[in-house]
Amino acid sequence: PVPTTSIYSRSDGVVPWQISLNEDLPHTENVRIESSHIGMGVHPMALVVIADRLRQDPARWRRFDPAAAMRGAR
Protein backbone atom coordinates (compact mmCIF):
# COMPACT_ATOMS: atom_id res chain seq x y z
CA PRO A 1 0.00 0.00 0.00
CA VAL A 2 3.04 2.34 0.14
CA PRO A 3 5.23 3.48 -2.77
CA THR A 4 8.14 1.10 -3.20
CA THR A 5 11.25 1.25 -5.38
CA SER A 6 13.65 -1.63 -5.91
CA ILE A 7 17.14 -0.75 -7.14
CA TYR A 8 18.65 -3.87 -8.63
CA SER A 9 21.52 -5.04 -10.78
CA ARG A 10 21.70 -8.08 -13.01
CA SER A 11 25.42 -8.22 -12.23
CA ASP A 12 24.90 -8.12 -8.44
CA GLY A 13 26.73 -11.40 -7.93
CA VAL A 14 25.23 -12.04 -4.46
CA VAL A 15 21.46 -11.58 -4.67
CA PRO A 16 19.67 -13.07 -7.68
CA TRP A 17 18.24 -10.00 -9.43
CA GLN A 18 14.93 -11.75 -10.13
CA ILE A 19 14.03 -11.86 -6.43
CA SER A 20 14.74 -8.14 -6.09
CA LEU A 21 11.91 -7.13 -8.42
CA ASN A 22 8.70 -5.58 -7.15
CA GLU A 23 5.41 -6.82 -8.49
CA ASP A 24 4.14 -4.53 -11.25
CA LEU A 25 1.62 -2.35 -9.39
CA PRO A 26 0.67 1.34 -9.71
CA HIS A 27 2.78 2.26 -6.65
CA THR A 28 5.85 0.08 -7.27
CA GLU A 29 8.82 0.26 -9.59
CA ASN A 30 12.12 -1.41 -10.36
CA VAL A 31 15.17 0.66 -11.30
CA ARG A 32 18.03 -1.22 -12.92
CA ILE A 33 21.63 -0.09 -12.53
CA GLU A 34 24.88 -1.76 -13.52
CA SER A 35 26.77 -2.49 -10.32
CA SER A 36 28.25 -5.15 -8.12
CA HIS A 37 26.51 -5.98 -4.85
CA ILE A 38 28.96 -4.01 -2.71
CA GLY A 39 29.20 -1.23 -5.30
CA MET A 40 25.50 -0.37 -5.05
CA GLY A 41 26.11 1.52 -1.82
CA VAL A 42 28.31 4.03 -3.59
CA HIS A 43 27.02 3.86 -7.16
CA PRO A 44 26.17 7.43 -8.29
CA MET A 45 22.90 6.44 -9.98
CA ALA A 46 21.77 4.42 -6.95
CA LEU A 47 22.38 7.50 -4.80
CA VAL A 48 20.45 9.69 -7.26
CA VAL A 49 17.52 7.25 -7.16
CA ILE A 50 17.53 7.18 -3.35
CA ALA A 51 17.71 10.97 -3.06
CA ASP A 52 14.92 11.37 -5.60
CA ARG A 53 12.69 8.88 -3.81
CA LEU A 54 13.28 10.51 -0.40
CA ARG A 55 12.55 13.94 -1.83
CA GLN A 56 9.22 12.85 -3.31
CA ASP A 57 5.88 13.38 -1.56
CA PRO A 58 4.34 9.89 -1.13
CA ALA A 59 0.87 11.35 -1.76
CA ARG A 60 2.05 12.48 -5.22
CA TRP A 61 4.20 9.47 -6.02
CA ARG A 62 5.51 9.12 -9.56
CA ARG A 63 7.85 6.61 -11.10
CA PHE A 64 11.53 7.47 -11.23
CA ASP A 65 12.46 9.70 -14.17
CA PRO A 66 16.26 9.60 -14.66
CA ALA A 67 16.35 12.78 -16.78
CA ALA A 68 14.35 14.78 -14.23
CA ALA A 69 16.40 13.42 -11.33
CA MET A 70 19.66 14.36 -13.01
CA ARG A 71 18.39 17.90 -13.63
CA GLY A 72 17.66 18.15 -9.90
CA ALA A 73 21.12 16.79 -9.01
CA ARG A 74 23.00 19.64 -10.68
PDB file of N, CA and C in Angstrom:
ATOM      1  N   PRO A   1       0.798  -1.222   0.000  1.00  0.00           N
ATOM      2  CA  PRO A   1       0.000   0.000   0.000  1.00  0.00           C
ATOM      3  C   PRO A   1       0.840   1.286   0.000  1.00  0.00           C
ATOM      4  N   VAL A   2       2.172   1.159   0.154  1.00  0.00           N
ATOM      5  CA  VAL A   2       3.040   2.339   0.136  1.00  0.00           C
ATOM      6  C   VAL A   2       3.924   2.296  -1.112  1.00  0.00           C
ATOM      7  N   PRO A   3       4.329   3.469  -1.615  1.00  0.00           N
ATOM      8  CA  PRO A   3       5.232   3.484  -2.770  1.00  0.00           C
ATOM      9  C   PRO A   3       6.530   2.742  -2.461  1.00  0.00           C
ATOM     10  N   THR A   4       6.955   1.919  -3.401  1.00  0.00           N
ATOM     11  CA  THR A   4       8.143   1.096  -3.199  1.00  0.00           C
ATOM     12  C   THR A   4       8.996   1.082  -4.462  1.00  0.00           C
ATOM     13  N   THR A   5      10.291   1.290  -4.277  1.00  0.00           N
ATOM     14  CA  THR A   5      11.246   1.252  -5.384  1.00  0.00           C
ATOM     15  C   THR A   5      12.315   0.215  -5.083  1.00  0.00           C
ATOM     16  N   SER A   6      12.564  -0.666  -6.023  1.00  0.00           N
ATOM     17  CA  SER A   6      13.655  -1.628  -5.914  1.00  0.00           C
ATOM     18  C   SER A   6      14.761  -1.194  -6.859  1.00  0.00           C
ATOM     19  N   ILE A   7      15.959  -1.018  -6.316  1.00  0.00           N
ATOM     20  CA  ILE A   7      17.138  -0.751  -7.136  1.00  0.00           C
ATOM     21  C   ILE A   7      17.865  -2.083  -7.245  1.00  0.00           C
ATOM     22  N   TYR A   8      18.057  -2.557  -8.454  1.00  0.00           N
ATOM     23  CA  TYR A   8      18.653  -3.874  -8.628  1.00  0.00           C
ATOM     24  C   TYR A   8      19.689  -3.854  -9.744  1.00  0.00           C
ATOM     25  N   SER A   9      20.514  -4.882  -9.750  1.00  0.00           N
ATOM     26  CA  SER A   9      21.522  -5.043 -10.784  1.00  0.00           C
ATOM     27  C   SER A   9      21.575  -6.498 -11.215  1.00  0.00           C
ATOM     28  N   ARG A  10      21.592  -6.710 -12.498  1.00  0.00           N
ATOM     29  CA  ARG A  10      21.701  -8.079 -13.008  1.00  0.00           C
ATOM     30  C   ARG A  10      23.098  -8.642 -12.784  1.00  0.00           C
ATOM     31  N   SER A  11      24.058  -7.760 -12.495  1.00  0.00           N
ATOM     32  CA  SER A  11      25.422  -8.225 -12.232  1.00  0.00           C
ATOM     33  C   SER A  11      25.754  -8.158 -10.742  1.00  0.00           C
ATOM     34  N   ASP A  12      24.736  -8.201  -9.892  1.00  0.00           N
ATOM     35  CA  ASP A  12      24.902  -8.119  -8.441  1.00  0.00           C
ATOM     36  C   ASP A  12      25.937  -9.128  -7.938  1.00  0.00           C
ATOM     37  N   GLY A  13      25.777 -10.376  -8.318  1.00  0.00           N
ATOM     38  CA  GLY A  13      26.732 -11.403  -7.925  1.00  0.00           C
ATOM     39  C   GLY A  13      26.462 -12.048  -6.575  1.00  0.00           C
ATOM     40  N   VAL A  14      25.570 -11.476  -5.774  1.00  0.00           N
ATOM     41  CA  VAL A  14      25.234 -12.043  -4.465  1.00  0.00           C
ATOM     42  C   VAL A  14      23.751 -12.377  -4.414  1.00  0.00           C
ATOM     43  N   VAL A  15      22.913 -11.403  -4.705  1.00  0.00           N
ATOM     44  CA  VAL A  15      21.457 -11.581  -4.671  1.00  0.00           C
ATOM     45  C   VAL A  15      20.955 -11.804  -6.101  1.00  0.00           C
ATOM     46  N   PRO A  16      20.240 -12.887  -6.353  1.00  0.00           N
ATOM     47  CA  PRO A  16      19.667 -13.071  -7.685  1.00  0.00           C
ATOM     48  C   PRO A  16      18.730 -11.906  -8.011  1.00  0.00           C
ATOM     49  N   TRP A  17      18.994 -11.208  -9.107  1.00  0.00           N
ATOM     50  CA  TRP A  17      18.245  -9.996  -9.426  1.00  0.00           C
ATOM     51  C   TRP A  17      16.743 -10.248  -9.537  1.00  0.00           C
ATOM     52  N   GLN A  18      16.354 -11.444  -9.952  1.00  0.00           N
ATOM     53  CA  GLN A  18      14.934 -11.746 -10.126  1.00  0.00           C
ATOM     54  C   GLN A  18      14.140 -11.618  -8.826  1.00  0.00           C
ATOM     55  N   ILE A  19      14.770 -11.930  -7.694  1.00  0.00           N
ATOM     56  CA  ILE A  19      14.035 -11.855  -6.430  1.00  0.00           C
ATOM     57  C   ILE A  19      14.004 -10.437  -5.872  1.00  0.00           C
ATOM     58  N   SER A  20      14.729  -9.536  -6.524  1.00  0.00           N
ATOM     59  CA  SER A  20      14.738  -8.135  -6.094  1.00  0.00           C
ATOM     60  C   SER A  20      13.617  -7.321  -6.715  1.00  0.00           C
ATOM     61  N   LEU A  21      12.924  -7.889  -7.681  1.00  0.00           N
ATOM     62  CA  LEU A  21      11.914  -7.134  -8.415  1.00  0.00           C
ATOM     63  C   LEU A  21      10.602  -7.015  -7.656  1.00  0.00           C
ATOM     64  N   ASN A  22      10.040  -5.808  -7.687  1.00  0.00           N
ATOM     65  CA  ASN A  22       8.702  -5.583  -7.146  1.00  0.00           C
ATOM     66  C   ASN A  22       7.662  -6.079  -8.145  1.00  0.00           C
ATOM     67  N   GLU A  23       6.551  -6.499  -7.632  1.00  0.00           N
ATOM     68  CA  GLU A  23       5.411  -6.824  -8.485  1.00  0.00           C
ATOM     69  C   GLU A  23       4.989  -5.556  -9.210  1.00  0.00           C
ATOM     70  N   ASP A  24       4.531  -5.688 -10.455  1.00  0.00           N
ATOM     71  CA  ASP A  24       4.137  -4.527 -11.250  1.00  0.00           C
ATOM     72  C   ASP A  24       2.776  -4.000 -10.777  1.00  0.00           C
ATOM     73  N   LEU A  25       2.815  -2.987  -9.936  1.00  0.00           N
ATOM     74  CA  LEU A  25       1.618  -2.354  -9.388  1.00  0.00           C
ATOM     75  C   LEU A  25       1.720  -0.845  -9.596  1.00  0.00           C
ATOM     76  N   PRO A  26       0.627  -0.108  -9.477  1.00  0.00           N
ATOM     77  CA  PRO A  26       0.670   1.345  -9.710  1.00  0.00           C
ATOM     78  C   PRO A  26       1.613   2.109  -8.780  1.00  0.00           C
ATOM     79  N   HIS A  27       1.939   1.557  -7.621  1.00  0.00           N
ATOM     80  CA  HIS A  27       2.776   2.264  -6.652  1.00  0.00           C
ATOM     81  C   HIS A  27       4.142   1.596  -6.435  1.00  0.00           C
ATOM     82  N   THR A  28       4.545   0.737  -7.383  1.00  0.00           N
ATOM     83  CA  THR A  28       5.850   0.085  -7.269  1.00  0.00           C
ATOM     84  C   THR A  28       6.649   0.299  -8.540  1.00  0.00           C
ATOM     85  N   GLU A  29       7.959   0.167  -8.414  1.00  0.00           N
ATOM     86  CA  GLU A  29       8.824   0.265  -9.585  1.00  0.00           C
ATOM     87  C   GLU A  29      10.124  -0.475  -9.324  1.00  0.00           C
ATOM     88  N   ASN A  30      10.825  -0.755 -10.409  1.00  0.00           N
ATOM     89  CA  ASN A  30      12.123  -1.406 -10.364  1.00  0.00           C
ATOM     90  C   ASN A  30      13.073  -0.565 -11.194  1.00  0.00           C
ATOM     91  N   VAL A  31      14.183  -0.164 -10.598  1.00  0.00           N
ATOM     92  CA  VAL A  31      15.166   0.656 -11.296  1.00  0.00           C
ATOM     93  C   VAL A  31      16.452  -0.154 -11.418  1.00  0.00           C
ATOM     94  N   ARG A  32      16.841  -0.409 -12.652  1.00  0.00           N
ATOM     95  CA  ARG A  32      18.030  -1.221 -12.915  1.00  0.00           C
ATOM     96  C   ARG A  32      19.262  -0.327 -13.041  1.00  0.00           C
ATOM     97  N   ILE A  33      20.333  -0.733 -12.366  1.00  0.00           N
ATOM     98  CA  ILE A  33      21.629  -0.086 -12.534  1.00  0.00           C
ATOM     99  C   ILE A  33      22.651  -1.183 -12.816  1.00  0.00           C
ATOM    100  N   GLU A  34      23.801  -0.807 -13.294  1.00  0.00           N
ATOM    101  CA  GLU A  34      24.884  -1.761 -13.519  1.00  0.00           C
ATOM    102  C   GLU A  34      25.876  -1.602 -12.379  1.00  0.00           C
ATOM    103  N   SER A  35      25.918  -2.590 -11.495  1.00  0.00           N
ATOM    104  CA  SER A  35      26.768  -2.486 -10.321  1.00  0.00           C
ATOM    105  C   SER A  35      26.976  -3.857  -9.699  1.00  0.00           C
ATOM    106  N   SER A  36      28.052  -3.965  -8.946  1.00  0.00           N
ATOM    107  CA  SER A  36      28.247  -5.152  -8.120  1.00  0.00           C
ATOM    108  C   SER A  36      27.395  -4.986  -6.862  1.00  0.00           C
ATOM    109  N   HIS A  37      27.302  -6.030  -6.077  1.00  0.00           N
ATOM    110  CA  HIS A  37      26.513  -5.981  -4.845  1.00  0.00           C
ATOM    111  C   HIS A  37      27.055  -4.913  -3.889  1.00  0.00           C
ATOM    112  N   ILE A  38      28.332  -4.961  -3.616  1.00  0.00           N
ATOM    113  CA  ILE A  38      28.964  -4.007  -2.709  1.00  0.00           C
ATOM    114  C   ILE A  38      28.970  -2.601  -3.317  1.00  0.00           C
ATOM    115  N   GLY A  39      29.129  -2.518  -4.623  1.00  0.00           N
ATOM    116  CA  GLY A  39      29.199  -1.232  -5.303  1.00  0.00           C
ATOM    117  C   GLY A  39      27.911  -0.434  -5.281  1.00  0.00           C
ATOM    118  N   MET A  40      26.779  -1.094  -5.058  1.00  0.00           N
ATOM    119  CA  MET A  40      25.500  -0.368  -5.053  1.00  0.00           C
ATOM    120  C   MET A  40      25.455   0.736  -4.007  1.00  0.00           C
ATOM    121  N   GLY A  41      26.129   0.536  -2.896  1.00  0.00           N
ATOM    122  CA  GLY A  41      26.109   1.518  -1.818  1.00  0.00           C
ATOM    123  C   GLY A  41      26.784   2.829  -2.159  1.00  0.00           C
ATOM    124  N   VAL A  42      27.614   2.810  -3.187  1.00  0.00           N
ATOM    125  CA  VAL A  42      28.313   4.034  -3.590  1.00  0.00           C
ATOM    126  C   VAL A  42      28.105   4.371  -5.065  1.00  0.00           C
ATOM    127  N   HIS A  43      27.269   3.619  -5.739  1.00  0.00           N
ATOM    128  CA  HIS A  43      27.016   3.858  -7.160  1.00  0.00           C
ATOM    129  C   HIS A  43      26.282   5.191  -7.326  1.00  0.00           C
ATOM    130  N   PRO A  44      26.808   6.103  -8.149  1.00  0.00           N
ATOM    131  CA  PRO A  44      26.174   7.425  -8.295  1.00  0.00           C
ATOM    132  C   PRO A  44      24.694   7.368  -8.663  1.00  0.00           C
ATOM    133  N   MET A  45      24.311   6.487  -9.582  1.00  0.00           N
ATOM    134  CA  MET A  45      22.902   6.439  -9.978  1.00  0.00           C
ATOM    135  C   MET A  45      22.030   5.891  -8.857  1.00  0.00           C
ATOM    136  N   ALA A  46      22.531   4.927  -8.095  1.00  0.00           N
ATOM    137  CA  ALA A  46      21.767   4.423  -6.952  1.00  0.00           C
ATOM    138  C   ALA A  46      21.522   5.555  -5.959  1.00  0.00           C
ATOM    139  N   LEU A  47      22.539   6.376  -5.721  1.00  0.00           N
ATOM    140  CA  LEU A  47      22.384   7.497  -4.797  1.00  0.00           C
ATOM    141  C   LEU A  47      21.408   8.535  -5.328  1.00  0.00           C
ATOM    142  N   VAL A  48      21.420   8.767  -6.646  1.00  0.00           N
ATOM    143  CA  VAL A  48      20.455   9.695  -7.261  1.00  0.00           C
ATOM    144  C   VAL A  48      19.038   9.157  -7.091  1.00  0.00           C
ATOM    145  N   VAL A  49      18.852   7.857  -7.316  1.00  0.00           N
ATOM    146  CA  VAL A  49      17.524   7.247  -7.158  1.00  0.00           C
ATOM    147  C   VAL A  49      17.054   7.396  -5.708  1.00  0.00           C
ATOM    148  N   ILE A  50      17.905   7.090  -4.766  1.00  0.00           N
ATOM    149  CA  ILE A  50      17.528   7.177  -3.348  1.00  0.00           C
ATOM    150  C   ILE A  50      17.173   8.611  -2.971  1.00  0.00           C
ATOM    151  N   ALA A  51      17.996   9.567  -3.375  1.00  0.00           N
ATOM    152  CA  ALA A  51      17.712  10.974  -3.060  1.00  0.00           C
ATOM    153  C   ALA A  51      16.398  11.420  -3.684  1.00  0.00           C
ATOM    154  N   ASP A  52      16.166  11.007  -4.916  1.00  0.00           N
ATOM    155  CA  ASP A  52      14.920  11.372  -5.605  1.00  0.00           C
ATOM    156  C   ASP A  52      13.708  10.775  -4.897  1.00  0.00           C
ATOM    157  N   ARG A  53      13.811   9.533  -4.490  1.00  0.00           N
ATOM    158  CA  ARG A  53      12.686   8.880  -3.809  1.00  0.00           C
ATOM    159  C   ARG A  53      12.422   9.529  -2.451  1.00  0.00           C
ATOM    160  N   LEU A  54      13.461   9.877  -1.714  1.00  0.00           N
ATOM    161  CA  LEU A  54      13.283  10.511  -0.402  1.00  0.00           C
ATOM    162  C   LEU A  54      12.703  11.920  -0.518  1.00  0.00           C
ATOM    163  N   ARG A  55      13.021  12.585  -1.606  1.00  0.00           N
ATOM    164  CA  ARG A  55      12.552  13.943  -1.834  1.00  0.00           C
ATOM    165  C   ARG A  55      11.068  13.979  -2.250  1.00  0.00           C
ATOM    166  N   GLN A  56      10.567  12.894  -2.737  1.00  0.00           N
ATOM    167  CA  GLN A  56       9.217  12.850  -3.309  1.00  0.00           C
ATOM    168  C   GLN A  56       8.134  12.740  -2.232  1.00  0.00           C
ATOM    169  N   ASP A  57       7.050  13.457  -2.440  1.00  0.00           N
ATOM    170  CA  ASP A  57       5.879  13.376  -1.559  1.00  0.00           C
ATOM    171  C   ASP A  57       5.142  12.068  -1.853  1.00  0.00           C
ATOM    172  N   PRO A  58       5.004  11.172  -0.874  1.00  0.00           N
ATOM    173  CA  PRO A  58       4.336   9.891  -1.130  1.00  0.00           C
ATOM    174  C   PRO A  58       2.901  10.046  -1.644  1.00  0.00           C
ATOM    175  N   ALA A  59       2.243  11.128  -1.297  1.00  0.00           N
ATOM    176  CA  ALA A  59       0.874  11.350  -1.763  1.00  0.00           C
ATOM    177  C   ALA A  59       0.835  11.701  -3.255  1.00  0.00           C
ATOM    178  N   ARG A  60       1.976  12.113  -3.788  1.00  0.00           N
ATOM    179  CA  ARG A  60       2.051  12.475  -5.220  1.00  0.00           C
ATOM    180  C   ARG A  60       3.096  11.617  -5.922  1.00  0.00           C
ATOM    181  N   TRP A  61       3.171  10.376  -5.524  1.00  0.00           N
ATOM    182  CA  TRP A  61       4.204   9.469  -6.015  1.00  0.00           C
ATOM    183  C   TRP A  61       4.166   9.325  -7.526  1.00  0.00           C
ATOM    184  N   ARG A  62       5.339   9.376  -8.129  1.00  0.00           N
ATOM    185  CA  ARG A  62       5.509   9.120  -9.557  1.00  0.00           C
ATOM    186  C   ARG A  62       6.722   8.212  -9.732  1.00  0.00           C
ATOM    187  N   ARG A  63       6.716   7.490 -10.810  1.00  0.00           N
ATOM    188  CA  ARG A  63       7.847   6.615 -11.096  1.00  0.00           C
ATOM    189  C   ARG A  63       9.115   7.438 -11.320  1.00  0.00           C
ATOM    190  N   PHE A  64      10.241   6.808 -11.077  1.00  0.00           N
ATOM    191  CA  PHE A  64      11.532   7.467 -11.226  1.00  0.00           C
ATOM    192  C   PHE A  64      11.752   7.888 -12.670  1.00  0.00           C
ATOM    193  N   ASP A  65      12.146   9.140 -12.847  1.00  0.00           N
ATOM    194  CA  ASP A  65      12.460   9.702 -14.168  1.00  0.00           C
ATOM    195  C   ASP A  65      13.936  10.100 -14.135  1.00  0.00           C
ATOM    196  N   PRO A  66      14.824   9.310 -14.742  1.00  0.00           N
ATOM    197  CA  PRO A  66      16.258   9.604 -14.660  1.00  0.00           C
ATOM    198  C   PRO A  66      16.620  11.013 -15.150  1.00  0.00           C
ATOM    199  N   ALA A  67      16.018  11.456 -16.238  1.00  0.00           N
ATOM    200  CA  ALA A  67      16.349  12.777 -16.782  1.00  0.00           C
ATOM    201  C   ALA A  67      15.968  13.879 -15.783  1.00  0.00           C
ATOM    202  N   ALA A  68      14.798  13.779 -15.198  1.00  0.00           N
ATOM    203  CA  ALA A  68      14.347  14.777 -14.228  1.00  0.00           C
ATOM    204  C   ALA A  68      15.210  14.731 -12.972  1.00  0.00           C
ATOM    205  N   ALA A  69      15.570  13.552 -12.539  1.00  0.00           N
ATOM    206  CA  ALA A  69      16.403  13.417 -11.331  1.00  0.00           C
ATOM    207  C   ALA A  69      17.784  14.007 -11.549  1.00  0.00           C
ATOM    208  N   MET A  70      18.338  13.816 -12.722  1.00  0.00           N
ATOM    209  CA  MET A  70      19.660  14.359 -13.015  1.00  0.00           C
ATOM    210  C   MET A  70      19.619  15.876 -13.111  1.00  0.00           C
ATOM    211  N   ARG A  71      18.531  16.434 -13.601  1.00  0.00           N
ATOM    212  CA  ARG A  71      18.386  17.897 -13.633  1.00  0.00           C
ATOM    213  C   ARG A  71      18.382  18.437 -12.211  1.00  0.00           C
ATOM    214  N   GLY A  72      17.724  17.732 -11.300  1.00  0.00           N
ATOM    215  CA  GLY A  72      17.665  18.151  -9.904  1.00  0.00           C
ATOM    216  C   GLY A  72      18.979  17.938  -9.163  1.00  0.00           C
ATOM    217  N   ALA A  73      19.857  17.097  -9.692  1.00  0.00           N
ATOM    218  CA  ALA A  73      21.123  16.793  -9.014  1.00  0.00           C
ATOM    219  C   ALA A  73      22.220  17.821  -9.328  1.00  0.00           C
ATOM    220  N   ARG A  74      21.967  18.660 -10.287  1.00  0.00           N
ATOM    221  CA  ARG A  74      23.002  19.640 -10.678  1.00  0.00           C
ATOM    222  C   ARG A  74      23.096  20.787  -9.732  1.00  0.00           C
TER     223      ARG A  74
END
